[in-house]
Amino acid sequence: MSNSADGSPKARIVTALLRDGDRVLLCHRSPRRRWYPDVWDLPGGHVEPGELPGAALARELREELGIDIPAPSDPPVHEVHADTFDMQIWLIDAWTGSPVNVAPDEHDAIAWFTEDAFGDLSLAHDSYPALFSKVLAEHRA
């Protein structure tokens, strides 16, 4: 585990880039959230102590969207390293169930977006538009 600049352990975050054809699913973080309020973000959350990242991702998607996935076996498609956290992003294009917002205290909306909408959204991370476009382009190829 890596540490932040003040020596405290960095949070380990796992997220899913859910792809359905030419769309990706994003969750709008509640304006009341302490971290990254009022922005569109990928579903996911913290890895608990002793939990494997893939198992954490499956748990988070069940808790936030009510869907089931097998723990990913492929490596993440992208990683974000910040002062206080390290985030891994997995491409998920198969799941069981229909995504619904089962965590309204965390997200006030979920929605599918196509590439032409990314520039109009307030996103949690600057790297998201390029990542989303890359993943959607690979799907078209």
N, C-alpha and C. Protein backbone atom coordinates (compact mmCIF):
# COMPACT_ATOMS: atom_id res chain seq x y z
N MET A 1 0.85 -1.18 0.00
CA MET A 1 0.00 0.00 0.00
C MET A 1 0.89 1.23 0.00
N SER A 2 0.55 2.23 -0.79
CA SER A 2 1.35 3.45 -0.84
C SER A 2 0.79 4.47 0.15
N ASN A 3 1.60 5.48 0.43
CA ASN A 3 1.22 6.51 1.39
C ASN A 3 1.08 7.85 0.71
N SER A 4 0.24 8.71 1.30
CA SER A 4 0.08 10.07 0.81
C SER A 4 1.24 10.92 1.31
N ALA A 5 1.27 12.17 0.90
CA ALA A 5 2.38 13.05 1.25
C ALA A 5 2.54 13.22 2.76
N ASP A 6 1.44 13.12 3.52
CA ASP A 6 1.53 13.28 4.97
C ASP A 6 1.86 11.97 5.68
N GLY A 7 2.10 10.90 4.92
CA GLY A 7 2.46 9.62 5.49
C GLY A 7 1.31 8.69 5.78
N SER A 8 0.08 9.19 5.66
CA SER A 8 -1.07 8.32 5.90
C SER A 8 -1.29 7.41 4.69
N PRO A 9 -1.87 6.23 4.90
CA PRO A 9 -2.10 5.33 3.76
C PRO A 9 -3.06 5.95 2.75
N LYS A 10 -2.75 5.77 1.48
CA LYS A 10 -3.66 6.22 0.42
C LYS A 10 -4.88 5.30 0.38
N ALA A 11 -6.03 5.88 0.07
CA ALA A 11 -7.23 5.07 -0.13
C ALA A 11 -7.07 4.28 -1.42
N ARG A 12 -7.54 3.04 -1.41
CA ARG A 12 -7.54 2.20 -2.61
C ARG A 12 -8.97 2.20 -3.15
N ILE A 13 -9.13 2.68 -4.38
CA ILE A 13 -10.44 2.83 -5.00
C ILE A 13 -10.52 1.93 -6.23
N VAL A 14 -11.68 1.28 -6.40
CA VAL A 14 -11.94 0.49 -7.61
C VAL A 14 -13.20 1.03 -8.26
N THR A 15 -13.18 1.13 -9.59
CA THR A 15 -14.35 1.62 -10.32
C THR A 15 -14.56 0.80 -11.58
N ALA A 16 -15.77 0.91 -12.11
CA ALA A 16 -16.13 0.18 -13.32
C ALA A 16 -16.54 1.14 -14.42
N LEU A 17 -15.99 0.91 -15.59
CA LEU A 17 -16.45 1.60 -16.78
C LEU A 17 -17.41 0.62 -17.45
N LEU A 18 -18.71 0.79 -17.15
CA LEU A 18 -19.73 -0.08 -17.73
C LEU A 18 -20.02 0.40 -19.14
N ARG A 19 -19.82 -0.48 -20.11
CA ARG A 19 -20.03 -0.14 -21.51
C ARG A 19 -21.19 -0.96 -22.05
N ASP A 20 -22.10 -0.29 -22.72
CA ASP A 20 -23.21 -0.94 -23.40
C ASP A 20 -23.25 -0.37 -24.81
N GLY A 21 -22.63 -1.07 -25.75
CA GLY A 21 -22.56 -0.57 -27.13
C GLY A 21 -21.75 0.71 -27.17
N ASP A 22 -22.38 1.81 -27.58
CA ASP A 22 -21.68 3.09 -27.70
C ASP A 22 -21.95 4.01 -26.52
N ARG A 23 -22.33 3.42 -25.37
CA ARG A 23 -22.65 4.23 -24.19
C ARG A 23 -21.86 3.74 -22.97
N VAL A 24 -21.61 4.68 -22.05
CA VAL A 24 -21.03 4.34 -20.76
C VAL A 24 -21.97 4.84 -19.66
N LEU A 25 -21.98 4.10 -18.55
CA LEU A 25 -22.85 4.46 -17.43
C LEU A 25 -22.06 5.30 -16.43
N LEU A 26 -22.64 6.43 -16.06
CA LEU A 26 -22.04 7.29 -15.05
C LEU A 26 -23.04 7.54 -13.93
N CYS A 27 -22.51 7.81 -12.76
CA CYS A 27 -23.32 8.12 -11.58
C CYS A 27 -23.05 9.58 -11.20
N HIS A 28 -24.12 10.32 -10.94
CA HIS A 28 -23.95 11.71 -10.51
C HIS A 28 -23.83 11.72 -8.99
N ARG A 29 -22.68 12.15 -8.51
CA ARG A 29 -22.43 12.17 -7.06
C ARG A 29 -23.26 13.27 -6.41
N SER A 30 -23.89 12.91 -5.32
CA SER A 30 -24.74 13.85 -4.59
C SER A 30 -23.95 15.11 -4.22
N PRO A 31 -24.60 16.28 -4.30
CA PRO A 31 -23.93 17.51 -3.88
C PRO A 31 -23.53 17.49 -2.40
N ARG A 32 -24.11 16.60 -1.63
CA ARG A 32 -23.79 16.50 -0.20
C ARG A 32 -22.56 15.65 0.08
N ARG A 33 -21.99 15.02 -0.93
CA ARG A 33 -20.82 14.16 -0.73
C ARG A 33 -19.61 14.99 -0.32
N ARG A 34 -18.80 14.44 0.57
CA ARG A 34 -17.60 15.14 1.04
C ARG A 34 -16.55 15.22 -0.07
N TRP A 35 -16.34 14.11 -0.78
CA TRP A 35 -15.34 14.06 -1.85
C TRP A 35 -16.04 14.07 -3.20
N TYR A 36 -15.57 14.92 -4.08
CA TYR A 36 -16.09 15.01 -5.46
C TYR A 36 -17.61 15.19 -5.49
N PRO A 37 -18.14 16.21 -4.83
CA PRO A 37 -19.59 16.43 -4.87
C PRO A 37 -20.04 16.98 -6.22
N ASP A 38 -21.27 16.65 -6.60
CA ASP A 38 -21.96 17.26 -7.75
C ASP A 38 -21.21 17.09 -9.07
N VAL A 39 -20.61 15.91 -9.28
CA VAL A 39 -19.96 15.60 -10.55
C VAL A 39 -20.38 14.20 -11.00
N TRP A 40 -20.19 13.92 -12.27
CA TRP A 40 -20.44 12.59 -12.81
C TRP A 40 -19.19 11.74 -12.63
N ASP A 41 -19.38 10.52 -12.19
CA ASP A 41 -18.25 9.65 -11.88
C ASP A 41 -18.60 8.21 -12.24
N LEU A 42 -17.60 7.37 -12.25
CA LEU A 42 -17.80 5.95 -12.46
C LEU A 42 -18.28 5.30 -11.16
N PRO A 43 -19.11 4.27 -11.25
CA PRO A 43 -19.52 3.57 -10.03
C PRO A 43 -18.34 2.80 -9.43
N GLY A 44 -18.32 2.72 -8.13
CA GLY A 44 -17.26 2.00 -7.44
C GLY A 44 -17.06 2.53 -6.05
N GLY A 45 -15.94 2.17 -5.44
CA GLY A 45 -15.69 2.64 -4.08
C GLY A 45 -14.41 2.08 -3.51
N HIS A 46 -14.32 2.13 -2.19
CA HIS A 46 -13.11 1.74 -1.46
C HIS A 46 -12.95 0.23 -1.37
N VAL A 47 -11.70 -0.18 -1.42
CA VAL A 47 -11.33 -1.56 -1.13
C VAL A 47 -11.19 -1.67 0.39
N GLU A 48 -11.93 -2.59 0.97
CA GLU A 48 -11.88 -2.78 2.42
C GLU A 48 -10.61 -3.53 2.80
N PRO A 49 -10.13 -3.36 4.05
CA PRO A 49 -8.94 -4.11 4.49
C PRO A 49 -9.14 -5.61 4.30
N GLY A 50 -8.14 -6.26 3.71
CA GLY A 50 -8.19 -7.70 3.48
C GLY A 50 -8.98 -8.12 2.25
N GLU A 51 -9.58 -7.17 1.54
CA GLU A 51 -10.41 -7.47 0.36
C GLU A 51 -9.56 -7.34 -0.90
N LEU A 52 -9.76 -8.23 -1.84
CA LEU A 52 -9.09 -8.13 -3.14
C LEU A 52 -9.81 -7.09 -3.99
N PRO A 53 -9.08 -6.35 -4.84
CA PRO A 53 -9.71 -5.31 -5.65
C PRO A 53 -10.89 -5.81 -6.49
N GLY A 54 -10.75 -6.96 -7.16
CA GLY A 54 -11.84 -7.47 -7.98
C GLY A 54 -13.08 -7.79 -7.17
N ALA A 55 -12.89 -8.36 -5.99
CA ALA A 55 -14.03 -8.65 -5.10
C ALA A 55 -14.67 -7.36 -4.62
N ALA A 56 -13.86 -6.34 -4.35
CA ALA A 56 -14.38 -5.04 -3.93
C ALA A 56 -15.23 -4.43 -5.04
N LEU A 57 -14.77 -4.55 -6.29
CA LEU A 57 -15.53 -4.00 -7.41
C LEU A 57 -16.88 -4.70 -7.53
N ALA A 58 -16.89 -6.01 -7.46
CA ALA A 58 -18.16 -6.75 -7.54
C ALA A 58 -19.09 -6.33 -6.41
N ARG A 59 -18.57 -6.18 -5.21
CA ARG A 59 -19.39 -5.75 -4.06
C ARG A 59 -19.94 -4.35 -4.28
N GLU A 60 -19.10 -3.42 -4.72
CA GLU A 60 -19.54 -2.04 -4.93
C GLU A 60 -20.63 -1.94 -6.00
N LEU A 61 -20.50 -2.69 -7.08
CA LEU A 61 -21.52 -2.64 -8.14
C LEU A 61 -22.85 -3.21 -7.66
N ARG A 62 -22.78 -4.22 -6.83
CA ARG A 62 -24.00 -4.78 -6.24
C ARG A 62 -24.65 -3.75 -5.30
N GLU A 63 -23.83 -3.09 -4.47
CA GLU A 63 -24.34 -2.11 -3.50
C GLU A 63 -24.86 -0.84 -4.16
N GLU A 64 -24.22 -0.39 -5.23
CA GLU A 64 -24.59 0.88 -5.84
C GLU A 64 -25.60 0.76 -6.97
N LEU A 65 -25.49 -0.32 -7.76
CA LEU A 65 -26.32 -0.44 -8.97
C LEU A 65 -27.22 -1.67 -8.98
N GLY A 66 -27.06 -2.56 -8.01
CA GLY A 66 -27.88 -3.77 -7.97
C GLY A 66 -27.57 -4.77 -9.06
N ILE A 67 -26.34 -4.73 -9.60
CA ILE A 67 -25.95 -5.68 -10.65
C ILE A 67 -24.87 -6.61 -10.12
N ASP A 68 -24.74 -7.76 -10.76
CA ASP A 68 -23.72 -8.72 -10.38
C ASP A 68 -22.73 -8.91 -11.53
N ILE A 69 -21.46 -8.96 -11.16
CA ILE A 69 -20.39 -9.27 -12.11
C ILE A 69 -19.48 -10.30 -11.46
N PRO A 70 -18.81 -11.11 -12.27
CA PRO A 70 -17.73 -11.91 -11.68
C PRO A 70 -16.55 -10.97 -11.39
N ALA A 71 -15.76 -11.29 -10.40
CA ALA A 71 -14.57 -10.48 -10.14
C ALA A 71 -13.72 -10.46 -11.40
N PRO A 72 -13.29 -9.28 -11.87
CA PRO A 72 -12.52 -9.20 -13.11
C PRO A 72 -11.20 -9.96 -13.03
N SER A 73 -10.87 -10.63 -14.13
CA SER A 73 -9.58 -11.33 -14.19
C SER A 73 -8.58 -10.56 -15.07
N ASP A 74 -9.09 -9.67 -15.92
CA ASP A 74 -8.21 -8.84 -16.75
C ASP A 74 -7.63 -7.70 -15.91
N PRO A 75 -6.51 -7.14 -16.33
CA PRO A 75 -5.98 -5.98 -15.60
C PRO A 75 -6.87 -4.76 -15.82
N PRO A 76 -6.75 -3.75 -14.97
CA PRO A 76 -7.52 -2.53 -15.17
C PRO A 76 -7.17 -1.87 -16.50
N VAL A 77 -8.13 -1.14 -17.08
CA VAL A 77 -7.87 -0.43 -18.33
C VAL A 77 -7.22 0.92 -18.09
N HIS A 78 -7.27 1.39 -16.85
CA HIS A 78 -6.72 2.71 -16.54
C HIS A 78 -6.51 2.80 -15.03
N GLU A 79 -5.56 3.63 -14.64
CA GLU A 79 -5.32 3.89 -13.22
C GLU A 79 -5.13 5.39 -13.03
N VAL A 80 -5.61 5.88 -11.91
CA VAL A 80 -5.44 7.28 -11.52
C VAL A 80 -4.70 7.28 -10.18
N HIS A 81 -3.60 8.01 -10.13
CA HIS A 81 -2.83 8.11 -8.89
C HIS A 81 -2.84 9.57 -8.45
N ALA A 82 -3.42 9.81 -7.29
CA ALA A 82 -3.51 11.16 -6.73
C ALA A 82 -2.82 11.18 -5.37
N ASP A 83 -2.78 12.35 -4.76
CA ASP A 83 -2.09 12.48 -3.47
C ASP A 83 -2.70 11.60 -2.39
N THR A 84 -4.02 11.45 -2.40
CA THR A 84 -4.69 10.75 -1.30
C THR A 84 -5.30 9.40 -1.68
N PHE A 85 -5.26 9.04 -2.97
CA PHE A 85 -5.84 7.76 -3.38
C PHE A 85 -5.17 7.21 -4.62
N ASP A 86 -5.31 5.91 -4.81
CA ASP A 86 -4.96 5.21 -6.04
C ASP A 86 -6.23 4.54 -6.53
N MET A 87 -6.60 4.78 -7.79
CA MET A 87 -7.84 4.25 -8.33
C MET A 87 -7.55 3.36 -9.54
N GLN A 88 -8.19 2.20 -9.56
CA GLN A 88 -8.12 1.29 -10.69
C GLN A 88 -9.49 1.26 -11.36
N ILE A 89 -9.48 1.27 -12.71
CA ILE A 89 -10.72 1.28 -13.49
C ILE A 89 -10.74 0.04 -14.38
N TRP A 90 -11.80 -0.75 -14.25
CA TRP A 90 -11.98 -1.94 -15.08
C TRP A 90 -13.09 -1.71 -16.09
N LEU A 91 -12.88 -2.20 -17.30
CA LEU A 91 -13.92 -2.22 -18.32
C LEU A 91 -14.84 -3.40 -18.02
N ILE A 92 -16.12 -3.10 -17.90
CA ILE A 92 -17.13 -4.13 -17.66
C ILE A 92 -18.18 -4.00 -18.76
N ASP A 93 -18.34 -5.05 -19.56
CA ASP A 93 -19.37 -5.00 -20.59
C ASP A 93 -20.32 -6.18 -20.54
N ALA A 94 -20.32 -6.89 -19.40
CA ALA A 94 -21.30 -7.96 -19.18
C ALA A 94 -21.62 -8.00 -17.69
N TRP A 95 -22.88 -8.06 -17.38
CA TRP A 95 -23.34 -8.11 -16.00
C TRP A 95 -24.71 -8.76 -15.95
N THR A 96 -25.13 -9.11 -14.75
CA THR A 96 -26.46 -9.68 -14.54
C THR A 96 -27.30 -8.65 -13.80
N GLY A 97 -28.51 -8.42 -14.31
CA GLY A 97 -29.40 -7.43 -13.71
C GLY A 97 -29.40 -6.15 -14.52
N SER A 98 -30.28 -5.25 -14.14
CA SER A 98 -30.37 -3.94 -14.79
C SER A 98 -29.88 -2.87 -13.82
N PRO A 99 -28.93 -2.04 -14.25
CA PRO A 99 -28.43 -1.02 -13.34
C PRO A 99 -29.52 -0.04 -12.91
N VAL A 100 -29.67 0.10 -11.61
CA VAL A 100 -30.57 1.09 -11.01
C VAL A 100 -29.82 1.75 -9.86
N ASN A 101 -30.27 2.91 -9.47
CA ASN A 101 -29.62 3.63 -8.38
C ASN A 101 -30.12 3.08 -7.04
N VAL A 102 -29.39 2.14 -6.47
CA VAL A 102 -29.77 1.59 -5.17
C VAL A 102 -28.97 2.24 -4.04
N ALA A 103 -28.25 3.30 -4.33
CA ALA A 103 -27.49 4.04 -3.31
C ALA A 103 -27.78 5.54 -3.45
N PRO A 104 -29.05 5.96 -3.26
CA PRO A 104 -29.40 7.37 -3.47
C PRO A 104 -28.71 8.33 -2.50
N ASP A 105 -28.17 7.82 -1.40
CA ASP A 105 -27.40 8.68 -0.50
C ASP A 105 -26.04 9.04 -1.10
N GLU A 106 -25.56 8.22 -2.03
CA GLU A 106 -24.28 8.49 -2.68
C GLU A 106 -24.45 9.19 -4.03
N HIS A 107 -25.46 8.76 -4.79
CA HIS A 107 -25.69 9.30 -6.14
C HIS A 107 -27.13 9.78 -6.23
N ASP A 108 -27.33 10.94 -6.84
CA ASP A 108 -28.69 11.40 -7.03
C ASP A 108 -29.23 11.07 -8.42
N ALA A 109 -28.37 10.47 -9.27
CA ALA A 109 -28.82 10.04 -10.60
C ALA A 109 -27.78 9.09 -11.19
N ILE A 110 -28.26 8.22 -12.08
CA ILE A 110 -27.36 7.45 -12.94
C ILE A 110 -27.89 7.60 -14.35
N ALA A 111 -27.00 7.55 -15.33
CA ALA A 111 -27.44 7.71 -16.72
C ALA A 111 -26.39 7.15 -17.66
N TRP A 112 -26.87 6.75 -18.85
CA TRP A 112 -25.99 6.30 -19.92
C TRP A 112 -25.66 7.50 -20.80
N PHE A 113 -24.39 7.60 -21.22
CA PHE A 113 -23.95 8.71 -22.06
C PHE A 113 -23.17 8.19 -23.26
N THR A 114 -23.37 8.86 -24.40
CA THR A 114 -22.58 8.59 -25.59
C THR A 114 -21.43 9.60 -25.63
N GLU A 115 -20.48 9.35 -26.52
CA GLU A 115 -19.26 10.15 -26.59
C GLU A 115 -19.53 11.64 -26.80
N ASP A 116 -20.56 11.98 -27.56
CA ASP A 116 -20.81 13.39 -27.84
C ASP A 116 -21.23 14.18 -26.60
N ALA A 117 -21.60 13.53 -25.52
CA ALA A 117 -22.03 14.23 -24.30
C ALA A 117 -20.89 14.50 -23.32
N PHE A 118 -19.75 13.84 -23.48
CA PHE A 118 -18.69 13.92 -22.47
C PHE A 118 -18.22 15.35 -22.22
N GLY A 119 -18.10 16.15 -23.27
CA GLY A 119 -17.61 17.51 -23.12
C GLY A 119 -18.55 18.42 -22.36
N ASP A 120 -19.82 18.06 -22.28
CA ASP A 120 -20.81 18.89 -21.59
C ASP A 120 -20.97 18.52 -20.12
N LEU A 121 -20.32 17.45 -19.68
CA LEU A 121 -20.50 16.97 -18.32
C LEU A 121 -19.41 17.48 -17.39
N SER A 122 -19.78 17.71 -16.16
CA SER A 122 -18.80 17.99 -15.11
C SER A 122 -18.37 16.63 -14.57
N LEU A 123 -17.16 16.21 -14.93
CA LEU A 123 -16.67 14.88 -14.59
C LEU A 123 -15.70 14.93 -13.41
N ALA A 124 -15.62 13.83 -12.67
CA ALA A 124 -14.78 13.76 -11.47
C ALA A 124 -13.29 13.84 -11.79
N HIS A 125 -12.88 13.36 -12.95
CA HIS A 125 -11.45 13.33 -13.28
C HIS A 125 -11.22 13.78 -14.72
N ASP A 126 -10.18 14.56 -14.92
CA ASP A 126 -9.86 15.09 -16.25
C ASP A 126 -9.53 14.00 -17.26
N SER A 127 -9.07 12.85 -16.80
CA SER A 127 -8.67 11.78 -17.72
C SER A 127 -9.87 11.01 -18.29
N TYR A 128 -11.06 11.22 -17.74
CA TYR A 128 -12.21 10.43 -18.16
C TYR A 128 -12.59 10.58 -19.64
N PRO A 129 -12.72 11.78 -20.20
CA PRO A 129 -13.17 11.86 -21.60
C PRO A 129 -12.30 11.06 -22.57
N ALA A 130 -10.98 11.18 -22.45
CA ALA A 130 -10.09 10.44 -23.35
C ALA A 130 -10.23 8.94 -23.13
N LEU A 131 -10.33 8.52 -21.88
CA LEU A 131 -10.50 7.10 -21.57
C LEU A 131 -11.80 6.57 -22.15
N PHE A 132 -12.89 7.29 -21.94
CA PHE A 132 -14.19 6.84 -22.44
C PHE A 132 -14.17 6.75 -23.96
N SER A 133 -13.62 7.77 -24.62
CA SER A 133 -13.55 7.76 -26.08
C SER A 133 -12.71 6.60 -26.59
N LYS A 134 -11.59 6.32 -25.93
CA LYS A 134 -10.72 5.21 -26.33
C LYS A 134 -11.46 3.88 -26.21
N VAL A 135 -12.13 3.67 -25.10
CA VAL A 135 -12.84 2.40 -24.89
C VAL A 135 -13.98 2.25 -25.89
N LEU A 136 -14.70 3.32 -26.17
CA LEU A 136 -15.79 3.23 -27.15
C LEU A 136 -15.25 3.01 -28.56
N ALA A 137 -14.11 3.63 -28.90
CA ALA A 137 -13.51 3.43 -30.22
C ALA A 137 -13.07 1.99 -30.40
N GLU A 138 -12.52 1.38 -29.35
CA GLU A 138 -12.11 -0.02 -29.43
C GLU A 138 -13.31 -0.93 -29.67
N HIS A 139 -14.44 -0.55 -29.14
CA HIS A 139 -15.65 -1.35 -29.34
C HIS A 139 -16.11 -1.28 -30.80
N ARG A 140 -15.92 -0.09 -31.42
CA ARG A 140 -16.35 0.08 -32.82
C ARG A 140 -15.40 -0.62 -33.78
N ALA A 141 -14.15 -0.80 -33.37
CA ALA A 141 -13.13 -1.37 -34.26
C ALA A 141 -13.40 -2.82 -34.61
